[in-house]
Amino acid sequence: MGAGRSTAKYRPHASIFLQGDPADAVFYIEKGNVQLTVVSEHGKEGVIAMPGAGDFFGEGCLAGQPLHIASATAMSNSIIVRIEKETMVRVLHQEPTLSEMFMAFLLSRNVQFEADLVDQLFNSSEKRLARILLLLANFGKEGKLEPVIPRISQETLAARVGTTRSRINSFMNKFRKLGLIEYNGELKVHTSLLNVIVHD
């Protein structure tokens, strides 16, 4: 990409940008995980996305968004590439491979948002939690236990699911007793947790 591109390393809980900061760049996650959160005028916080390696975020600037509508925070040791808006626009026009990759990401993100909305409208908190845990565990790898983000807090899960921490704690204990998850400093999820979603 040449000029207009920079790479930075972030430790867990480090701020990448804040809600209300100028939206003048697109970010690409080379390694790690990021949490995107929004805070209302009354101080209520909601987690809107948790992108991981291979994902973009901050792409709203390409649609004319002048300010970031969310804050971005590293959830684990992360390597983030910052691409200035003008550079990203130029490269999207000049590099078909990057354009295709970015388009595939946007389509995938749109499908994810639609699925999240359907989940929020029609599924119980328990099913929403199960779905989020499976997504974080990259569901689909031969029924093995898959590590999730180390030390993900129940507060974060509660904000993502849209319920209280106490309910998350209750569901997590239930999943652990059923052998669907392991939680010893690092959360591991078994694909059999899918049964919580497909069966009432």
C-alpha atoms as a PDB file:
ATOM      1  CA  MET A   1       0.000   0.000   0.000  1.00  0.00           C
ATOM      2  CA  GLY A   2       2.977   2.327   0.481  1.00  0.00           C
ATOM      3  CA  ALA A   3       2.370   5.535   2.404  1.00  0.00           C
ATOM      4  CA  GLY A   4      -0.788   5.841   4.450  1.00  0.00           C
ATOM      5  CA  ARG A   5      -0.396   2.509   6.194  1.00  0.00           C
ATOM      6  CA  SER A   6       0.993   1.786   9.670  1.00  0.00           C
ATOM      7  CA  THR A   7       1.072  -1.196  12.020  1.00  0.00           C
ATOM      8  CA  ALA A   8       0.836  -1.124  15.808  1.00  0.00           C
ATOM      9  CA  LYS A   9       0.799  -3.671  18.615  1.00  0.00           C
ATOM     10  CA  TYR A  10      -1.807  -3.470  21.385  1.00  0.00           C
ATOM     11  CA  ARG A  11      -1.993  -5.151  24.759  1.00  0.00           C
ATOM     12  CA  PRO A  12      -5.302  -6.374  26.217  1.00  0.00           C
ATOM     13  CA  HIS A  13      -7.658  -3.508  27.167  1.00  0.00           C
ATOM     14  CA  ALA A  14      -5.643  -0.946  25.158  1.00  0.00           C
ATOM     15  CA  SER A  15      -7.746   1.645  23.343  1.00  0.00           C
ATOM     16  CA  ILE A  16      -7.483   1.777  19.550  1.00  0.00           C
ATOM     17  CA  PHE A  17      -9.961   4.626  19.102  1.00  0.00           C
ATOM     18  CA  LEU A  18     -12.834   6.155  21.054  1.00  0.00           C
ATOM     19  CA  GLN A  19     -16.453   6.820  20.212  1.00  0.00           C
ATOM     20  CA  GLY A  20     -16.566  10.343  18.755  1.00  0.00           C
ATOM     21  CA  ASP A  21     -12.974  10.339  17.458  1.00  0.00           C
ATOM     22  CA  PRO A  22     -12.496  11.410  13.818  1.00  0.00           C
ATOM     23  CA  ALA A  23     -13.193   8.490  11.467  1.00  0.00           C
ATOM     24  CA  ASP A  24     -10.297   8.853   9.038  1.00  0.00           C
ATOM     25  CA  ALA A  25      -8.956   5.297   8.660  1.00  0.00           C
ATOM     26  CA  VAL A  26      -9.889   1.651   8.201  1.00  0.00           C
ATOM     27  CA  PHE A  27      -8.301  -0.936  10.494  1.00  0.00           C
ATOM     28  CA  TYR A  28      -7.308  -4.528   9.734  1.00  0.00           C
ATOM     29  CA  ILE A  29      -6.619  -7.143  12.424  1.00  0.00           C
ATOM     30  CA  GLU A  30      -3.496  -9.157  11.614  1.00  0.00           C
ATOM     31  CA  LYS A  31      -3.546 -10.876  15.005  1.00  0.00           C
ATOM     32  CA  GLY A  32      -5.767 -10.801  18.074  1.00  0.00           C
ATOM     33  CA  ASN A  33      -9.315  -9.720  18.873  1.00  0.00           C
ATOM     34  CA  VAL A  34     -11.043  -6.368  19.212  1.00  0.00           C
ATOM     35  CA  GLN A  35     -14.200  -5.320  21.020  1.00  0.00           C
ATOM     36  CA  LEU A  36     -16.428  -2.579  19.591  1.00  0.00           C
ATOM     37  CA  THR A  37     -18.635  -0.884  22.171  1.00  0.00           C
ATOM     38  CA  VAL A  38     -21.158   1.950  22.150  1.00  0.00           C
ATOM     39  CA  VAL A  39     -22.104   4.081  25.155  1.00  0.00           C
ATOM     40  CA  SER A  40     -25.481   5.833  25.223  1.00  0.00           C
ATOM     41  CA  GLU A  41     -26.076   9.378  26.481  1.00  0.00           C
ATOM     42  CA  HIS A  42     -27.189   7.829  29.784  1.00  0.00           C
ATOM     43  CA  GLY A  43     -23.982   5.820  30.170  1.00  0.00           C
ATOM     44  CA  LYS A  44     -25.335   2.407  29.170  1.00  0.00           C
ATOM     45  CA  GLU A  45     -22.724   0.375  27.299  1.00  0.00           C
ATOM     46  CA  GLY A  46     -23.393  -2.212  24.617  1.00  0.00           C
ATOM     47  CA  VAL A  47     -21.003  -4.535  22.788  1.00  0.00           C
ATOM     48  CA  ILE A  48     -21.837  -4.434  19.071  1.00  0.00           C
ATOM     49  CA  ALA A  49     -19.087  -6.651  17.636  1.00  0.00           C
ATOM     50  CA  MET A  50     -15.980  -8.646  18.496  1.00  0.00           C
ATOM     51  CA  PRO A  51     -13.953  -8.916  15.265  1.00  0.00           C
ATOM     52  CA  GLY A  52     -10.891 -11.158  15.104  1.00  0.00           C
ATOM     53  CA  ALA A  53      -7.874 -11.839  12.916  1.00  0.00           C
ATOM     54  CA  GLY A  54      -8.624 -11.270   9.235  1.00  0.00           C
ATOM     55  CA  ASP A  55     -11.424  -8.775   9.927  1.00  0.00           C
ATOM     56  CA  PHE A  56     -11.661  -5.056   9.167  1.00  0.00           C
ATOM     57  CA  PHE A  57     -13.277  -2.428  11.370  1.00  0.00           C
ATOM     58  CA  GLY A  58     -13.739   1.334  11.193  1.00  0.00           C
ATOM     59  CA  GLU A  59     -14.908   0.993   7.585  1.00  0.00           C
ATOM     60  CA  GLY A  60     -17.717   3.500   8.186  1.00  0.00           C
ATOM     61  CA  CYS A  61     -15.356   6.291   7.148  1.00  0.00           C
ATOM     62  CA  LEU A  62     -15.575   5.001   3.554  1.00  0.00           C
ATOM     63  CA  ALA A  63     -19.320   5.731   3.603  1.00  0.00           C
ATOM     64  CA  GLY A  64     -18.819   9.311   4.777  1.00  0.00           C
ATOM     65  CA  GLN A  65     -19.026   8.708   8.518  1.00  0.00           C
ATOM     66  CA  PRO A  66     -17.139  11.681  10.028  1.00  0.00           C
ATOM     67  CA  LEU A  67     -16.821  10.287  13.561  1.00  0.00           C
ATOM     68  CA  HIS A  68     -16.494   6.793  15.012  1.00  0.00           C
ATOM     69  CA  ILE A  69     -19.868   5.657  16.378  1.00  0.00           C
ATOM     70  CA  ALA A  70     -18.184   3.089  18.635  1.00  0.00           C
ATOM     71  CA  SER A  71     -15.006   2.627  20.667  1.00  0.00           C
ATOM     72  CA  ALA A  72     -12.498  -0.073  19.714  1.00  0.00           C
ATOM     73  CA  THR A  73     -10.480  -1.874  22.407  1.00  0.00           C
ATOM     74  CA  ALA A  74      -8.014  -4.749  22.095  1.00  0.00           C
ATOM     75  CA  MET A  75      -9.243  -7.876  23.887  1.00  0.00           C
ATOM     76  CA  SER A  76      -5.957  -9.766  23.579  1.00  0.00           C
ATOM     77  CA  ASN A  77      -2.419  -9.090  22.381  1.00  0.00           C
ATOM     78  CA  SER A  78      -3.142  -7.723  18.933  1.00  0.00           C
ATOM     79  CA  ILE A  79      -1.432  -6.460  15.807  1.00  0.00           C
ATOM     80  CA  ILE A  80      -3.560  -3.877  14.004  1.00  0.00           C
ATOM     81  CA  VAL A  81      -2.921  -2.273  10.627  1.00  0.00           C
ATOM     82  CA  ARG A  82      -4.215   1.297  10.239  1.00  0.00           C
ATOM     83  CA  ILE A  83      -4.981   2.310   6.638  1.00  0.00           C
ATOM     84  CA  GLU A  84      -5.798   5.957   6.008  1.00  0.00           C
ATOM     85  CA  LYS A  85      -9.114   6.559   4.258  1.00  0.00           C
ATOM     86  CA  GLU A  86      -7.552   8.039   1.098  1.00  0.00           C
ATOM     87  CA  THR A  87      -5.091   5.146   0.854  1.00  0.00           C
ATOM     88  CA  MET A  88      -7.842   2.552   1.302  1.00  0.00           C
ATOM     89  CA  VAL A  89      -9.985   4.175  -1.427  1.00  0.00           C
ATOM     90  CA  ARG A  90      -7.024   4.271  -3.810  1.00  0.00           C
ATOM     91  CA  VAL A  91      -6.001   0.671  -3.176  1.00  0.00           C
ATOM     92  CA  LEU A  92      -9.584  -0.601  -3.523  1.00  0.00           C
ATOM     93  CA  HIS A  93      -9.632   0.920  -6.999  1.00  0.00           C
ATOM     94  CA  GLN A  94      -6.178  -0.334  -7.993  1.00  0.00           C
ATOM     95  CA  GLU A  95      -5.961  -3.795  -6.404  1.00  0.00           C
ATOM     96  CA  PRO A  96      -8.695  -6.268  -7.432  1.00  0.00           C
ATOM     97  CA  THR A  97      -7.514  -8.893  -4.914  1.00  0.00           C
ATOM     98  CA  LEU A  98      -7.913  -6.530  -1.960  1.00  0.00           C
ATOM     99  CA  SER A  99     -11.222  -5.268  -3.348  1.00  0.00           C
ATOM    100  CA  GLU A 100     -12.571  -8.824  -3.498  1.00  0.00           C
ATOM    101  CA  MET A 101     -11.336  -9.589   0.018  1.00  0.00           C
ATOM    102  CA  PHE A 102     -12.891  -6.398   1.392  1.00  0.00           C
ATOM    103  CA  MET A 103     -16.195  -7.050  -0.415  1.00  0.00           C
ATOM    104  CA  ALA A 104     -16.309 -10.601   0.959  1.00  0.00           C
ATOM    105  CA  PHE A 105     -15.724  -9.192   4.447  1.00  0.00           C
ATOM    106  CA  LEU A 106     -18.526  -6.624   4.078  1.00  0.00           C
ATOM    107  CA  LEU A 107     -20.984  -9.257   2.838  1.00  0.00           C
ATOM    108  CA  SER A 108     -20.037 -11.581   5.694  1.00  0.00           C
ATOM    109  CA  ARG A 109     -20.418  -8.740   8.221  1.00  0.00           C
ATOM    110  CA  ASN A 110     -23.858  -7.895   6.814  1.00  0.00           C
ATOM    111  CA  VAL A 111     -24.991 -11.519   7.100  1.00  0.00           C
ATOM    112  CA  GLN A 112     -23.657 -11.576  10.671  1.00  0.00           C
ATOM    113  CA  PHE A 113     -25.567  -8.419  11.619  1.00  0.00           C
ATOM    114  CA  GLU A 114     -28.790  -9.834  10.175  1.00  0.00           C
ATOM    115  CA  ALA A 115     -28.284 -13.092  12.072  1.00  0.00           C
ATOM    116  CA  ASP A 116     -27.595 -11.128  15.269  1.00  0.00           C
ATOM    117  CA  LEU A 117     -30.825  -9.170  14.815  1.00  0.00           C
ATOM    118  CA  VAL A 118     -32.881 -12.328  14.267  1.00  0.00           C
ATOM    119  CA  ASP A 119     -31.166 -13.896  17.287  1.00  0.00           C
ATOM    120  CA  GLN A 120     -31.995 -10.874  19.460  1.00  0.00           C
ATOM    121  CA  LEU A 121     -35.629 -10.782  18.324  1.00  0.00           C
ATOM    122  CA  PHE A 122     -36.544 -14.443  18.558  1.00  0.00           C
ATOM    123  CA  ASN A 123     -34.120 -16.392  20.774  1.00  0.00           C
ATOM    124  CA  SER A 124     -33.777 -16.612  24.541  1.00  0.00           C
ATOM    125  CA  SER A 125     -30.761 -15.210  26.376  1.00  0.00           C
ATOM    126  CA  GLU A 126     -29.474 -18.752  26.890  1.00  0.00           C
ATOM    127  CA  LYS A 127     -29.564 -19.496  23.157  1.00  0.00           C
ATOM    128  CA  ARG A 128     -27.950 -16.146  22.328  1.00  0.00           C
ATOM    129  CA  LEU A 129     -25.103 -16.908  24.728  1.00  0.00           C
ATOM    130  CA  ALA A 130     -24.619 -20.380  23.224  1.00  0.00           C
ATOM    131  CA  ARG A 131     -24.490 -18.909  19.717  1.00  0.00           C
ATOM    132  CA  ILE A 132     -21.946 -16.249  20.683  1.00  0.00           C
ATOM    133  CA  LEU A 133     -19.712 -18.822  22.392  1.00  0.00           C
ATOM    134  CA  LEU A 134     -19.828 -21.029  19.280  1.00  0.00           C
ATOM    135  CA  LEU A 135     -18.973 -18.079  17.034  1.00  0.00           C
ATOM    136  CA  LEU A 136     -16.034 -17.134  19.247  1.00  0.00           C
ATOM    137  CA  ALA A 137     -14.838 -20.744  19.153  1.00  0.00           C
ATOM    138  CA  ASN A 138     -14.849 -20.788  15.327  1.00  0.00           C
ATOM    139  CA  PHE A 139     -17.509 -23.501  15.308  1.00  0.00           C
ATOM    140  CA  GLY A 140     -17.124 -26.215  12.705  1.00  0.00           C
ATOM    141  CA  LYS A 141     -13.850 -28.001  13.399  1.00  0.00           C
ATOM    142  CA  GLU A 142     -14.723 -31.673  13.858  1.00  0.00           C
ATOM    143  CA  GLY A 143     -16.385 -31.435  17.253  1.00  0.00           C
ATOM    144  CA  LYS A 144     -13.167 -30.694  19.141  1.00  0.00           C
ATOM    145  CA  LEU A 145     -12.839 -28.358  22.092  1.00  0.00           C
ATOM    146  CA  GLU A 146     -11.787 -25.003  20.697  1.00  0.00           C
ATOM    147  CA  PRO A 147     -10.130 -22.296  22.772  1.00  0.00           C
ATOM    148  CA  VAL A 148     -11.947 -19.001  22.927  1.00  0.00           C
ATOM    149  CA  ILE A 149     -10.614 -15.614  23.961  1.00  0.00           C
ATOM    150  CA  PRO A 150      -8.684 -16.005  27.237  1.00  0.00           C
ATOM    151  CA  ARG A 151     -10.233 -14.283  30.241  1.00  0.00           C
ATOM    152  CA  ILE A 152     -13.349 -12.999  28.506  1.00  0.00           C
ATOM    153  CA  SER A 153     -15.403 -11.454  31.270  1.00  0.00           C
ATOM    154  CA  GLN A 154     -18.994 -12.280  32.069  1.00  0.00           C
ATOM    155  CA  GLU A 155     -19.710  -8.537  31.887  1.00  0.00           C
ATOM    156  CA  THR A 156     -18.550  -8.567  28.253  1.00  0.00           C
ATOM    157  CA  LEU A 157     -20.694 -11.590  27.473  1.00  0.00           C
ATOM    158  CA  ALA A 158     -23.673  -9.981  29.212  1.00  0.00           C
ATOM    159  CA  ALA A 159     -23.283  -6.816  27.126  1.00  0.00           C
ATOM    160  CA  ARG A 160     -23.000  -8.885  23.934  1.00  0.00           C
ATOM    161  CA  VAL A 161     -26.013 -11.082  24.758  1.00  0.00           C
ATOM    162  CA  GLY A 162     -28.124  -8.234  26.093  1.00  0.00           C
ATOM    163  CA  THR A 163     -28.796  -9.573  29.578  1.00  0.00           C
ATOM    164  CA  THR A 164     -27.415  -9.355  33.121  1.00  0.00           C
ATOM    165  CA  ARG A 165     -24.137 -10.747  34.433  1.00  0.00           C
ATOM    166  CA  SER A 166     -26.008 -12.917  36.952  1.00  0.00           C
ATOM    167  CA  ARG A 167     -27.962 -14.629  34.158  1.00  0.00           C
ATOM    168  CA  ILE A 168     -24.736 -15.188  32.185  1.00  0.00           C
ATOM    169  CA  ASN A 169     -23.175 -16.727  35.302  1.00  0.00           C
ATOM    170  CA  SER A 170     -26.161 -19.046  35.698  1.00  0.00           C
ATOM    171  CA  PHE A 171     -26.055 -20.153  32.046  1.00  0.00           C
ATOM    172  CA  MET A 172     -22.270 -20.658  32.128  1.00  0.00           C
ATOM    173  CA  ASN A 173     -22.549 -22.843  35.227  1.00  0.00           C
ATOM    174  CA  LYS A 174     -25.285 -24.864  33.534  1.00  0.00           C
ATOM    175  CA  PHE A 175     -23.187 -25.320  30.367  1.00  0.00           C
ATOM    176  CA  ARG A 176     -20.181 -26.376  32.444  1.00  0.00           C
ATOM    177  CA  LYS A 177     -22.174 -28.953  34.437  1.00  0.00           C
ATOM    178  CA  LEU A 178     -23.479 -30.405  31.173  1.00  0.00           C
ATOM    179  CA  GLY A 179     -19.915 -30.719  29.851  1.00  0.00           C
ATOM    180  CA  LEU A 180     -20.540 -28.245  27.032  1.00  0.00           C
ATOM    181  CA  ILE A 181     -17.770 -25.848  28.100  1.00  0.00           C
ATOM    182  CA  GLU A 182     -14.615 -25.807  30.234  1.00  0.00           C
ATOM    183  CA  TYR A 183     -13.679 -22.671  32.090  1.00  0.00           C
ATOM    184  CA  ASN A 184     -10.294 -22.724  33.848  1.00  0.00           C
ATOM    185  CA  GLY A 185      -8.749 -19.341  33.117  1.00  0.00           C
ATOM    186  CA  GLU A 186      -9.269 -20.040  29.415  1.00  0.00           C
ATOM    187  CA  LEU A 187     -12.733 -20.727  28.078  1.00  0.00           C
ATOM    188  CA  LYS A 188     -13.148 -23.792  25.860  1.00  0.00           C
ATOM    189  CA  VAL A 189     -16.336 -24.614  24.018  1.00  0.00           C
ATOM    190  CA  HIS A 190     -17.505 -27.973  22.684  1.00  0.00           C
ATOM    191  CA  THR A 191     -19.522 -28.023  19.476  1.00  0.00           C
ATOM    192  CA  SER A 192     -22.190 -30.079  21.254  1.00  0.00           C
ATOM    193  CA  LEU A 193     -23.238 -26.692  22.660  1.00  0.00           C
ATOM    194  CA  LEU A 194     -25.020 -26.359  19.310  1.00  0.00           C
ATOM    195  CA  ASN A 195     -27.755 -28.568  20.790  1.00  0.00           C
ATOM    196  CA  VAL A 196     -28.772 -25.649  23.015  1.00  0.00           C
ATOM    197  CA  ILE A 197     -29.547 -23.654  19.884  1.00  0.00           C
ATOM    198  CA  VAL A 198     -31.289 -26.277  17.774  1.00  0.00           C
ATOM    199  CA  HIS A 199     -33.386 -27.810  20.562  1.00  0.00           C
ATOM    200  CA  ASP A 200     -35.833 -25.965  22.810  1.00  0.00           C
END
